[in-house]
Amino acid sequence: MSELDDPTTLFDEGGGLAAHHPSAVDGPFLVAPSLADELNTIRLPLLPIACWRLNAARFEFDSSLVRPQAEAEIKQLATLVAANPGAPASLFGHADPVGDDEYNKALSGRRARSVFGLLTRDAAIWEHLYSDPHPGDRWGVKSIQRMLAAVPSGTGEPYYLGAVDGVQGSQTNEAIRRFQSEHGLASDGVAGAKTRAALFLAYMEAVAGTFVMSRGDFLGRDAAGGKASLQGCSEFNPVRLLTKSENDNPTNLEDRNTKNATNRRAMLYLFRPGTTFDPSRWPCPLTTEPSVGCRAQFWADGDARRKPGAVERSYRVTRDTFACRFYDAMARFSPCEGVVLRNIRLRLFDNLSRPLPEAPFLARFNGKEVRDTADGAGFVFLQKVVPPATIELKWRPKPADDDPLKDDPDEALLHFGLSVFVTAGDHATDEAVRRRLHNLGFNAAPSLKENVEAFQVHYGLPVTGEPADIEAELVVIHDTANPKPFEPDDGSASPDNGP
């Protein structure tokens, strides 16, 4: 089992991710012929086409304030939105399963409002979060310090260089004065409403750059209270449920908080371009409303689904931890919530089907780029690939030591290329076997049986040509961080087919 097959590691690290959902099948549609002026109406389900996740690590501790480090995830969102023009969004905040439902409903809603305010540059939303604190979400002086420490002054340095400790000292006062002076405000060292409004906008720009979304980019558009555009889901949809003993152990608070971090997240879904929805029919309550509206959307066993039990459960594995059936339908095939990340192992060959040890390569997938060299057997190992994905791979043979271009990263020098397709499907299908064989270089024969036989010969397995006979071995070699040991040779034992 690879480390990413372990649900305890899923989403525990990093600031978040952005990904496309598996493509929905559009048709064929079977309709009856009309005899007059009747029209056949087709109503497509409200299913997301892409997702963006912002993890707990990108929020201030005990606050809904988005940290400056979220800049990386905002760039991912900008790329995702640009790739899906006209796709409306909806934002969901989630809390962990500690505390009561109403307390967490408010917390998760504040987190959603914070992200929404950032994306739409709505300083008024942040002012409300600042001036109306919640027991589990207090911005205060610490948030002012955090923003002043991230916003560049006229000299290029941050306004505040001290500790972000929530203590209003002389250094904080002086930083506020400098900010006020450079923004045409009364320089009194007090972060009043006008100063906060200017600081909020300056900080938003520091975190999100030029990327801005309008209310019209969201499903609810200008609906009152952000209906259909943003909502708080309380603790109703945990992606990870600890055991009851872990959850109830009063001496285990720090460890429990760490493990529950994966549940504290903000999720944004993009829907089909042109999708519209009547906000008055949107089932989720407003972020400021109680959770009774959420409960109306529960599965019949919703409370049991989200309750800790004798064993730890994760949504990715058991698919039974989300109480809300409305949200569950959107998340079921979401790489940001429910589809396992893949470890992909590929092998690089030349045009004579010979493995290329230590070959420099470039891989692009999920909006990121990896430049590295293959190992001594020509294998490339790519981690945390979010399916469905296409990996664009380019490489060249290992250059000689006296090659003047040996260290040149120019992509034009990488003259071999391959598109590798990664799906979210189970490995126990002939198509999955075919794709894995393709990615490992066993793809030149016209039939799956012959490619299976080539794989079996290459790895010293009984030659049967049956996909089921190589499934376990193939998954280990292709997917995991600890594949079957393989001794490189001079090429005579390489597959008879091409890369």
Protein backbone atom coordinates (compact mmCIF):
# COMPACT_ATOMS: atom_id res chain seq x y z
CA MET A 1 0.00 0.00 0.00
CA SER A 2 1.35 3.42 -0.90
CA GLU A 3 1.37 6.27 1.61
CA LEU A 4 -1.48 7.93 -0.28
CA ASP A 5 -3.65 4.86 0.13
CA ASP A 6 -3.54 5.64 3.85
CA PRO A 7 -6.50 7.92 4.60
CA THR A 8 -4.71 9.43 7.59
CA THR A 9 -2.31 11.27 5.26
CA LEU A 10 -4.87 12.54 2.75
CA PHE A 11 -4.91 16.36 2.66
CA ASP A 12 -3.06 16.62 5.99
CA GLU A 13 -0.22 18.56 4.36
CA GLY A 14 -0.10 21.57 2.10
CA GLY A 15 -2.37 24.53 1.63
CA GLY A 16 -4.90 22.95 -0.70
CA LEU A 17 -5.40 21.98 -4.32
CA ALA A 18 -7.36 22.66 -7.48
CA ALA A 19 -8.57 20.01 -9.91
CA HIS A 20 -11.13 19.09 -12.53
CA HIS A 21 -13.77 16.48 -11.83
CA PRO A 22 -14.21 13.37 -13.98
CA SER A 23 -16.14 14.31 -17.10
CA ALA A 24 -19.87 13.72 -16.93
CA VAL A 25 -21.45 11.82 -19.80
CA ASP A 26 -23.67 14.11 -21.87
CA GLY A 27 -26.05 11.82 -23.64
CA PRO A 28 -27.19 10.03 -25.58
CA PHE A 29 -30.65 11.30 -24.68
CA LEU A 30 -33.66 9.20 -25.64
CA VAL A 31 -36.71 11.36 -26.37
CA ALA A 32 -40.11 10.75 -27.90
CA PRO A 33 -41.04 12.47 -31.19
CA SER A 34 -43.40 15.42 -30.97
CA LEU A 35 -46.52 15.69 -33.13
CA ALA A 36 -47.16 19.42 -32.80
CA ASP A 37 -45.30 22.31 -31.20
CA GLU A 38 -44.25 20.46 -28.04
CA LEU A 39 -40.65 20.71 -26.90
CA ASN A 40 -38.59 18.07 -25.15
CA THR A 41 -36.83 19.60 -22.16
CA ILE A 42 -33.61 18.17 -20.80
CA ARG A 43 -32.55 19.20 -17.31
CA LEU A 44 -28.93 18.38 -16.51
CA PRO A 45 -28.06 17.62 -12.87
CA LEU A 46 -26.24 20.22 -10.81
CA LEU A 47 -22.83 18.57 -10.71
CA PRO A 48 -19.47 20.32 -10.34
CA ILE A 49 -16.91 20.22 -13.11
CA ALA A 50 -14.00 21.42 -10.97
CA CYS A 51 -13.05 22.09 -7.37
CA TRP A 52 -10.72 24.20 -5.25
CA ARG A 53 -9.81 23.42 -1.67
CA LEU A 54 -8.20 25.71 0.92
CA ASN A 55 -6.88 23.80 3.91
CA ALA A 56 -6.77 24.79 7.58
CA ALA A 57 -3.06 25.61 7.21
CA ARG A 58 -4.01 28.67 5.16
CA PHE A 59 -6.10 30.23 7.96
CA GLU A 60 -4.83 31.99 11.07
CA PHE A 61 -5.07 29.86 14.20
CA ASP A 62 -8.37 30.46 15.99
CA SER A 63 -9.44 32.80 13.20
CA SER A 64 -11.09 32.83 9.79
CA LEU A 65 -8.48 35.27 8.47
CA VAL A 66 -6.79 33.89 5.34
CA ARG A 67 -3.00 33.74 5.73
CA PRO A 68 -0.59 35.31 3.19
CA GLN A 69 0.65 31.85 2.21
CA ALA A 70 -2.70 31.27 0.49
CA GLU A 71 -1.24 33.20 -2.43
CA ALA A 72 -0.15 29.87 -3.97
CA GLU A 73 -3.66 28.41 -3.77
CA ILE A 74 -5.25 31.61 -5.11
CA LYS A 75 -3.02 31.29 -8.18
CA GLN A 76 -4.28 27.72 -8.61
CA LEU A 77 -7.86 28.99 -8.43
CA ALA A 78 -7.12 31.70 -10.98
CA THR A 79 -5.83 29.06 -13.40
CA LEU A 80 -8.88 26.87 -12.76
CA VAL A 81 -11.33 29.72 -13.36
CA ALA A 82 -9.52 30.80 -16.53
CA ALA A 83 -9.76 27.25 -17.86
CA ASN A 84 -13.54 27.24 -17.29
CA PRO A 85 -14.91 30.58 -18.53
CA GLY A 86 -18.54 31.14 -17.62
CA ALA A 87 -18.55 28.41 -14.95
CA PRO A 88 -20.37 29.74 -11.86
CA ALA A 89 -18.98 28.97 -8.41
CA SER A 90 -20.31 28.16 -4.97
CA LEU A 91 -18.29 28.21 -1.76
CA PHE A 92 -18.66 25.90 1.26
CA GLY A 93 -17.02 26.27 4.67
CA HIS A 94 -16.49 23.24 6.92
CA ALA A 95 -15.60 22.80 10.60
CA ASP A 96 -14.26 19.80 12.50
CA PRO A 97 -16.45 17.48 14.62
CA VAL A 98 -15.59 19.19 17.93
CA GLY A 99 -18.12 21.48 19.63
CA ASP A 100 -21.85 21.71 19.03
CA ASP A 101 -23.58 22.07 15.67
CA GLU A 102 -24.64 25.71 15.98
CA TYR A 103 -21.23 26.83 17.19
CA ASN A 104 -19.58 25.11 14.22
CA LYS A 105 -22.27 26.35 11.82
CA ALA A 106 -21.25 29.91 12.70
CA LEU A 107 -17.52 29.12 12.47
CA SER A 108 -17.77 27.40 9.09
CA GLY A 109 -19.93 30.23 7.76
CA ARG A 110 -17.39 32.83 8.87
CA ARG A 111 -14.65 30.94 7.09
CA ALA A 112 -16.71 30.87 3.89
CA ARG A 113 -17.44 34.60 4.20
CA SER A 114 -13.77 35.36 4.74
CA VAL A 115 -12.74 33.58 1.54
CA PHE A 116 -15.66 35.09 -0.38
CA GLY A 117 -14.69 38.57 0.80
CA LEU A 118 -11.11 37.99 -0.31
CA LEU A 119 -12.07 36.71 -3.75
CA THR A 120 -14.57 39.52 -4.39
CA ARG A 121 -12.51 42.24 -2.66
CA ASP A 122 -15.40 43.03 -0.32
CA ALA A 123 -13.83 44.81 2.63
CA ALA A 124 -17.25 45.22 4.27
CA ILE A 125 -17.45 41.44 4.82
CA TRP A 126 -14.09 41.48 6.59
CA GLU A 127 -15.11 44.48 8.68
CA HIS A 128 -18.11 42.53 9.94
CA LEU A 129 -15.90 39.54 10.81
CA TYR A 130 -13.48 41.85 12.61
CA SER A 131 -15.98 43.93 14.55
CA ASP A 132 -18.35 41.07 15.44
CA PRO A 133 -16.04 38.38 16.86
CA HIS A 134 -17.10 34.82 17.57
CA PRO A 135 -15.80 32.80 20.56
CA GLY A 136 -13.83 30.63 18.14
CA ASP A 137 -12.94 33.37 15.66
CA ARG A 138 -11.41 36.60 16.91
CA TRP A 139 -9.43 38.79 14.51
CA GLY A 140 -8.35 41.68 16.75
CA VAL A 141 -4.88 43.22 16.96
CA LYS A 142 -3.20 40.05 15.76
CA SER A 143 -5.00 40.26 12.42
CA ILE A 144 -3.88 43.89 12.00
CA GLN A 145 -0.29 42.85 12.67
CA ARG A 146 -0.55 39.96 10.22
CA MET A 147 -1.78 42.24 7.46
CA LEU A 148 0.78 44.96 8.11
CA ALA A 149 3.48 42.28 8.04
CA ALA A 150 2.34 41.15 4.57
CA VAL A 151 1.52 44.46 2.85
CA PRO A 152 4.56 46.17 1.27
CA SER A 153 5.20 49.80 2.17
CA GLY A 154 6.45 52.50 -0.17
CA THR A 155 10.02 51.24 0.40
CA GLY A 156 9.06 47.70 -0.54
CA GLU A 157 9.44 46.37 3.00
CA PRO A 158 6.42 45.33 5.07
CA TYR A 159 4.97 47.97 7.36
CA TYR A 160 5.34 45.70 10.39
CA LEU A 161 8.42 43.60 11.17
CA GLY A 162 7.64 42.62 14.75
CA ALA A 163 6.08 39.53 16.28
CA VAL A 164 2.50 38.69 15.32
CA ASP A 165 1.45 38.25 18.94
CA GLY A 166 -1.71 40.32 19.34
CA VAL A 167 -0.01 42.84 21.65
CA GLN A 168 -0.68 46.48 20.75
CA GLY A 169 2.78 47.96 21.36
CA SER A 170 4.73 50.92 20.04
CA GLN A 171 6.00 48.95 17.04
CA THR A 172 2.44 48.11 15.99
CA ASN A 173 1.32 51.71 16.48
CA GLU A 174 4.19 53.02 14.37
CA ALA A 175 3.40 50.53 11.58
CA ILE A 176 -0.22 51.71 11.57
CA ARG A 177 0.93 55.34 11.36
CA ARG A 178 3.18 54.58 8.40
CA PHE A 179 0.34 52.79 6.62
CA GLN A 180 -2.06 55.65 7.32
CA SER A 181 0.41 58.26 6.12
CA GLU A 182 1.02 56.47 2.82
CA HIS A 183 -2.70 55.93 2.20
CA GLY A 184 -3.94 59.48 2.85
CA LEU A 185 -5.44 58.70 6.26
CA ALA A 186 -5.22 60.55 9.56
CA SER A 187 -1.94 59.33 11.05
CA ASP A 188 -2.98 58.59 14.64
CA GLY A 189 -1.70 55.03 15.04
CA VAL A 190 -5.20 53.70 15.67
CA ALA A 191 -6.62 51.05 13.33
CA GLY A 192 -10.11 52.53 13.11
CA ALA A 193 -12.80 51.62 10.59
CA LYS A 194 -11.39 53.74 7.73
CA THR A 195 -7.86 52.44 8.30
CA ARG A 196 -9.10 48.87 8.47
CA ALA A 197 -11.04 49.24 5.21
CA ALA A 198 -7.90 50.41 3.40
CA LEU A 199 -5.73 47.77 5.09
CA PHE A 200 -8.16 44.96 4.28
CA LEU A 201 -8.08 45.85 0.57
CA ALA A 202 -4.29 46.24 0.53
CA TYR A 203 -3.89 42.85 2.21
CA MET A 204 -6.36 41.19 -0.16
CA GLU A 205 -4.29 42.45 -3.08
CA ALA A 206 -1.08 41.21 -1.43
CA VAL A 207 -2.58 37.71 -1.10
CA ALA A 208 -4.65 37.42 -4.29
CA GLY A 209 -2.75 39.71 -6.64
CA THR A 210 -4.78 40.76 -9.65
CA PHE A 211 -7.21 37.82 -9.44
CA VAL A 212 -10.69 39.07 -8.55
CA MET A 213 -14.08 37.38 -8.82
CA SER A 214 -17.37 39.26 -8.92
CA ARG A 215 -20.62 38.26 -7.27
CA GLY A 216 -21.85 37.52 -10.78
CA ASP A 217 -19.23 34.77 -11.02
CA PHE A 218 -21.07 32.86 -8.28
CA LEU A 219 -24.19 30.75 -8.61
CA GLY A 220 -26.33 33.04 -6.45
CA ARG A 221 -25.14 36.21 -8.19
CA ASP A 222 -26.62 39.14 -6.21
CA ALA A 223 -28.98 37.08 -4.05
CA ALA A 224 -29.45 38.49 -0.56
CA GLY A 225 -27.09 37.08 2.04
CA GLY A 226 -25.06 35.26 -0.58
CA LYS A 227 -27.72 32.57 -1.05
CA ALA A 228 -26.36 29.78 -3.33
CA SER A 229 -22.98 31.52 -3.47
CA LEU A 230 -21.58 30.74 -0.03
CA GLN A 231 -22.62 28.63 2.93
CA GLY A 232 -21.31 27.12 6.15
CA CYS A 233 -21.72 23.36 6.57
CA SER A 234 -20.89 23.18 10.28
CA GLU A 235 -19.40 19.79 11.22
CA PHE A 236 -21.86 17.86 9.08
CA ASN A 237 -19.43 16.70 6.39
CA PRO A 238 -16.15 15.49 7.95
CA VAL A 239 -13.66 13.91 5.56
CA ARG A 240 -12.05 12.16 8.51
CA LEU A 241 -13.70 10.72 11.61
CA LEU A 242 -11.50 9.73 14.52
CA THR A 243 -12.44 6.83 16.75
CA LYS A 244 -14.81 7.57 19.63
CA SER A 245 -12.03 6.97 22.16
CA GLU A 246 -9.73 9.46 20.39
CA ASN A 247 -12.50 12.00 20.03
CA ASP A 248 -13.61 11.82 23.68
CA ASN A 249 -10.17 11.58 25.34
CA PRO A 250 -9.65 14.85 27.30
CA THR A 251 -5.86 14.26 27.48
CA ASN A 252 -5.60 13.97 23.71
CA LEU A 253 -6.62 17.51 22.71
CA GLU A 254 -3.47 18.54 20.82
CA ASP A 255 -3.25 15.32 18.83
CA ARG A 256 -6.99 15.43 18.14
CA ASN A 257 -6.75 19.00 16.90
CA THR A 258 -3.90 18.07 14.55
CA LYS A 259 -5.73 15.10 13.09
CA ASN A 260 -8.95 17.09 12.71
CA ALA A 261 -7.22 19.82 10.71
CA THR A 262 -8.18 18.03 7.49
CA ASN A 263 -11.85 18.71 8.32
CA ARG A 264 -11.37 22.47 8.70
CA ARG A 265 -11.45 23.61 5.09
CA ALA A 266 -13.09 25.85 2.54
CA MET A 267 -14.30 24.28 -0.71
CA LEU A 268 -15.24 26.03 -3.93
CA TYR A 269 -17.00 24.17 -6.74
CA LEU A 270 -17.33 25.29 -10.34
CA PHE A 271 -20.39 24.18 -12.30
CA ARG A 272 -21.05 23.83 -16.03
CA PRO A 273 -20.67 27.12 -17.91
CA GLY A 274 -24.05 28.79 -18.23
CA THR A 275 -25.57 26.98 -15.23
CA THR A 276 -28.24 29.00 -13.46
CA PHE A 277 -30.11 28.25 -10.25
CA ASP A 278 -32.99 29.99 -8.55
CA PRO A 279 -31.50 31.08 -5.20
CA SER A 280 -34.90 30.79 -3.51
CA ARG A 281 -34.76 27.04 -4.17
CA TRP A 282 -31.19 26.57 -2.94
CA PRO A 283 -31.43 24.16 0.01
CA CYS A 284 -28.50 25.46 2.10
CA PRO A 285 -29.26 28.10 4.74
CA LEU A 286 -27.37 31.40 4.82
CA THR A 287 -24.06 31.53 6.68
CA THR A 288 -25.77 33.55 9.42
CA GLU A 289 -28.77 31.21 9.80
CA PRO A 290 -29.06 28.20 12.14
CA SER A 291 -28.47 24.65 10.98
CA VAL A 292 -32.12 23.54 10.72
CA GLY A 293 -31.99 24.05 6.95
CA CYS A 294 -28.93 21.82 6.76
CA ARG A 295 -30.68 19.06 8.64
CA ALA A 296 -33.52 19.08 6.13
CA GLN A 297 -30.96 17.80 3.59
CA PHE A 298 -29.58 15.00 5.78
CA TRP A 299 -29.51 11.38 4.73
CA ALA A 300 -31.93 9.28 6.79
CA ASP A 301 -28.91 8.06 8.78
CA GLY A 302 -27.14 11.43 8.65
CA ASP A 303 -26.40 11.69 12.36
CA ALA A 304 -25.01 8.17 12.44
CA ARG A 305 -22.78 8.89 9.42
CA ARG A 306 -20.95 11.73 11.15
CA LYS A 307 -20.67 10.09 14.57
CA PRO A 308 -17.26 8.66 15.68
CA GLY A 309 -17.25 4.90 16.15
CA ALA A 310 -14.96 2.05 17.11
CA VAL A 311 -12.72 2.50 14.05
CA GLU A 312 -11.45 5.55 12.20
CA ARG A 313 -13.23 6.32 8.92
CA SER A 314 -12.49 8.60 5.99
CA TYR A 315 -14.84 9.78 3.27
CA ARG A 316 -12.42 8.70 0.56
CA VAL A 317 -12.51 5.10 1.71
CA THR A 318 -15.93 4.48 3.25
CA ARG A 319 -18.03 7.19 1.54
CA ASP A 320 -20.28 7.33 4.60
CA THR A 321 -19.09 10.29 6.69
CA PHE A 322 -21.09 13.11 5.08
CA ALA A 323 -24.47 13.72 6.67
CA CYS A 324 -25.76 16.12 3.98
CA ARG A 325 -26.95 14.31 0.87
CA PHE A 326 -26.96 17.55 -1.16
CA TYR A 327 -23.27 18.17 -0.49
CA ASP A 328 -22.48 14.47 -0.77
CA ALA A 329 -23.75 14.45 -4.36
CA MET A 330 -21.31 17.21 -5.30
CA ALA A 331 -18.35 15.73 -3.45
CA ARG A 332 -18.78 12.09 -4.45
CA PHE A 333 -16.37 12.29 -7.40
CA SER A 334 -14.41 15.34 -6.32
CA PRO A 335 -10.62 15.07 -6.32
CA CYS A 336 -10.71 17.68 -3.56
CA GLU A 337 -12.85 15.52 -1.28
CA GLY A 338 -13.27 11.97 -2.44
CA VAL A 339 -10.88 10.75 -5.11
CA VAL A 340 -7.54 9.37 -3.96
CA LEU A 341 -4.39 11.07 -5.16
CA ARG A 342 -2.25 8.80 -7.32
CA ASN A 343 1.41 7.94 -7.24
CA ILE A 344 2.41 7.39 -10.86
CA ARG A 345 5.47 5.42 -11.91
CA LEU A 346 6.59 5.71 -15.53
CA ARG A 347 9.55 4.37 -17.48
CA LEU A 348 11.44 6.31 -20.12
CA PHE A 349 12.65 4.62 -23.31
CA ASP A 350 14.43 5.66 -26.47
CA ASN A 351 13.02 5.08 -29.95
CA LEU A 352 14.50 1.55 -29.95
CA SER A 353 12.60 0.60 -26.78
CA ARG A 354 15.70 0.76 -24.60
CA PRO A 355 15.35 2.15 -21.06
CA LEU A 356 17.06 5.49 -20.49
CA PRO A 357 18.70 5.63 -17.04
CA GLU A 358 19.16 9.07 -15.48
CA ALA A 359 17.32 10.74 -18.37
CA PRO A 360 16.44 14.41 -17.75
CA PHE A 361 12.68 14.92 -17.98
CA LEU A 362 9.94 17.51 -17.68
CA ALA A 363 6.45 16.55 -16.46
CA ARG A 364 3.41 18.82 -16.40
CA PHE A 365 0.18 17.84 -14.63
CA ASN A 366 -2.53 19.45 -12.46
CA GLY A 367 -1.14 22.89 -13.23
CA LYS A 368 2.32 22.18 -11.87
CA GLU A 369 5.68 21.34 -13.39
CA VAL A 370 8.31 18.79 -12.31
CA ARG A 371 11.86 18.82 -13.68
CA ASP A 372 14.10 15.96 -12.59
CA THR A 373 16.03 12.92 -13.84
CA ALA A 374 14.94 9.30 -14.07
CA ASP A 375 16.53 6.73 -11.77
CA GLY A 376 19.15 4.18 -12.78
CA ALA A 377 16.56 1.99 -14.47
CA GLY A 378 14.85 4.81 -16.37
CA PHE A 379 11.90 5.06 -13.97
CA VAL A 380 10.14 8.32 -13.11
CA PHE A 381 8.07 8.59 -9.92
CA LEU A 382 5.43 11.35 -9.77
CA GLN A 383 3.58 11.91 -6.49
CA LYS A 384 0.13 13.28 -5.67
CA VAL A 385 -1.34 13.29 -9.15
CA VAL A 386 -5.01 14.32 -8.97
CA PRO A 387 -7.04 12.26 -11.43
CA PRO A 388 -8.43 12.66 -13.97
CA ALA A 389 -5.28 14.16 -15.40
CA THR A 390 -3.09 14.16 -18.46
CA ILE A 391 0.62 14.11 -17.76
CA GLU A 392 2.60 15.75 -20.53
CA LEU A 393 6.04 14.15 -20.36
CA LYS A 394 9.18 15.12 -22.28
CA TRP A 395 12.68 13.68 -21.93
CA ARG A 396 16.04 13.01 -23.57
CA PRO A 397 18.90 10.55 -23.01
CA LYS A 398 21.37 11.31 -20.25
CA PRO A 399 23.85 13.80 -21.74
CA ALA A 400 27.56 13.06 -21.79
CA ASP A 401 29.76 14.80 -19.23
CA ASP A 402 31.43 16.85 -21.97
CA ASP A 403 28.11 17.91 -23.52
CA PRO A 404 28.10 21.74 -23.44
CA LEU A 405 24.30 21.63 -23.03
CA LYS A 406 24.41 19.12 -20.17
CA ASP A 407 22.87 21.50 -17.65
CA ASP A 408 20.68 23.42 -20.09
CA PRO A 409 17.01 23.23 -18.95
CA ASP A 410 15.73 24.30 -22.38
CA GLU A 411 12.58 22.29 -23.13
CA ALA A 412 13.48 22.18 -26.84
CA LEU A 413 16.31 19.77 -26.00
CA LEU A 414 13.81 17.20 -24.71
CA HIS A 415 13.03 15.46 -27.98
CA PHE A 416 11.03 12.44 -26.71
CA GLY A 417 7.44 13.04 -25.65
CA LEU A 418 4.42 11.16 -24.33
CA SER A 419 0.96 12.01 -23.01
CA VAL A 420 0.05 9.81 -20.05
CA PHE A 421 -3.60 9.52 -19.03
CA VAL A 422 -4.54 9.07 -15.39
CA THR A 423 -8.10 8.23 -14.42
CA ALA A 424 -9.83 8.02 -11.07
CA GLY A 425 -11.20 4.57 -11.76
CA ASP A 426 -10.47 1.32 -9.99
CA HIS A 427 -7.52 -0.73 -11.16
CA ALA A 428 -9.51 -3.92 -11.58
CA THR A 429 -10.57 -3.36 -15.19
CA ASP A 430 -9.01 -4.26 -18.51
CA GLU A 431 -8.87 -0.59 -19.47
CA ALA A 432 -6.96 0.26 -16.29
CA VAL A 433 -4.54 -2.59 -17.00
CA ARG A 434 -4.10 -1.34 -20.56
CA ARG A 435 -3.34 2.20 -19.37
CA ARG A 436 -0.80 1.06 -16.78
CA LEU A 437 0.94 -1.14 -19.33
CA HIS A 438 0.97 1.80 -21.74
CA ASN A 439 2.56 4.04 -19.13
CA LEU A 440 5.26 1.44 -18.44
CA GLY A 441 6.11 1.03 -22.12
CA PHE A 442 4.18 -2.16 -22.90
CA ASN A 443 1.91 -0.76 -25.59
CA ALA A 444 3.16 -1.59 -29.08
CA ALA A 445 1.43 -4.92 -29.57
CA PRO A 446 -2.04 -4.73 -31.18
CA SER A 447 -3.83 -6.66 -28.43
CA LEU A 448 -4.02 -6.37 -24.65
CA LYS A 449 -3.16 -10.08 -24.36
CA GLU A 450 0.14 -9.62 -26.19
CA ASN A 451 1.09 -6.62 -24.09
CA VAL A 452 0.28 -8.58 -20.93
CA GLU A 453 2.51 -11.39 -22.19
CA ALA A 454 5.35 -8.93 -22.84
CA PHE A 455 5.01 -7.63 -19.28
CA GLN A 456 5.02 -11.16 -17.88
CA VAL A 457 8.13 -12.10 -19.83
CA HIS A 458 9.92 -8.94 -18.79
CA TYR A 459 9.23 -9.45 -15.09
CA GLY A 460 9.70 -13.24 -15.04
CA LEU A 461 6.03 -14.07 -14.44
CA PRO A 462 4.14 -17.08 -15.80
CA VAL A 463 3.06 -16.19 -19.33
CA THR A 464 -0.73 -16.38 -19.55
CA GLY A 465 -1.75 -13.20 -21.32
CA GLU A 466 -4.58 -12.72 -18.78
CA PRO A 467 -4.93 -9.20 -17.32
CA ALA A 468 -6.19 -10.56 -14.00
CA ASP A 469 -2.94 -12.52 -13.56
CA ILE A 470 -0.78 -9.39 -13.50
CA GLU A 471 -3.09 -7.00 -11.68
CA ALA A 472 -1.37 -7.09 -8.28
CA GLU A 473 2.16 -6.98 -9.69
CA LEU A 474 1.26 -4.23 -12.16
CA VAL A 475 -0.29 -1.98 -9.51
CA VAL A 476 2.76 -2.35 -7.25
CA ILE A 477 5.21 -1.50 -10.05
CA HIS A 478 3.12 1.35 -11.46
CA ASP A 479 1.51 3.03 -8.46
CA THR A 480 3.45 2.66 -5.25
CA ALA A 481 6.43 4.29 -3.67
CA ASN A 482 8.04 0.87 -3.10
CA PRO A 483 7.78 -0.97 -6.42
CA LYS A 484 9.14 -4.42 -7.10
CA PRO A 485 12.93 -4.24 -7.36
CA PHE A 486 14.14 -4.15 -10.93
CA GLU A 487 17.71 -4.61 -12.11
CA PRO A 488 18.58 -2.49 -15.18
CA ASP A 489 20.33 -4.16 -18.07
CA ASP A 490 21.85 -3.22 -21.39
CA GLY A 491 18.48 -3.13 -23.07
CA SER A 492 18.27 -6.78 -24.10
CA ALA A 493 15.64 -7.47 -21.42
CA SER A 494 13.54 -4.41 -22.17
CA PRO A 495 10.04 -4.82 -23.64
CA ASP A 496 9.80 -5.55 -27.33
CA ASN A 497 7.44 -2.62 -27.74
CA GLY A 498 7.94 1.10 -27.69
CA PRO A 499 7.55 3.77 -25.03
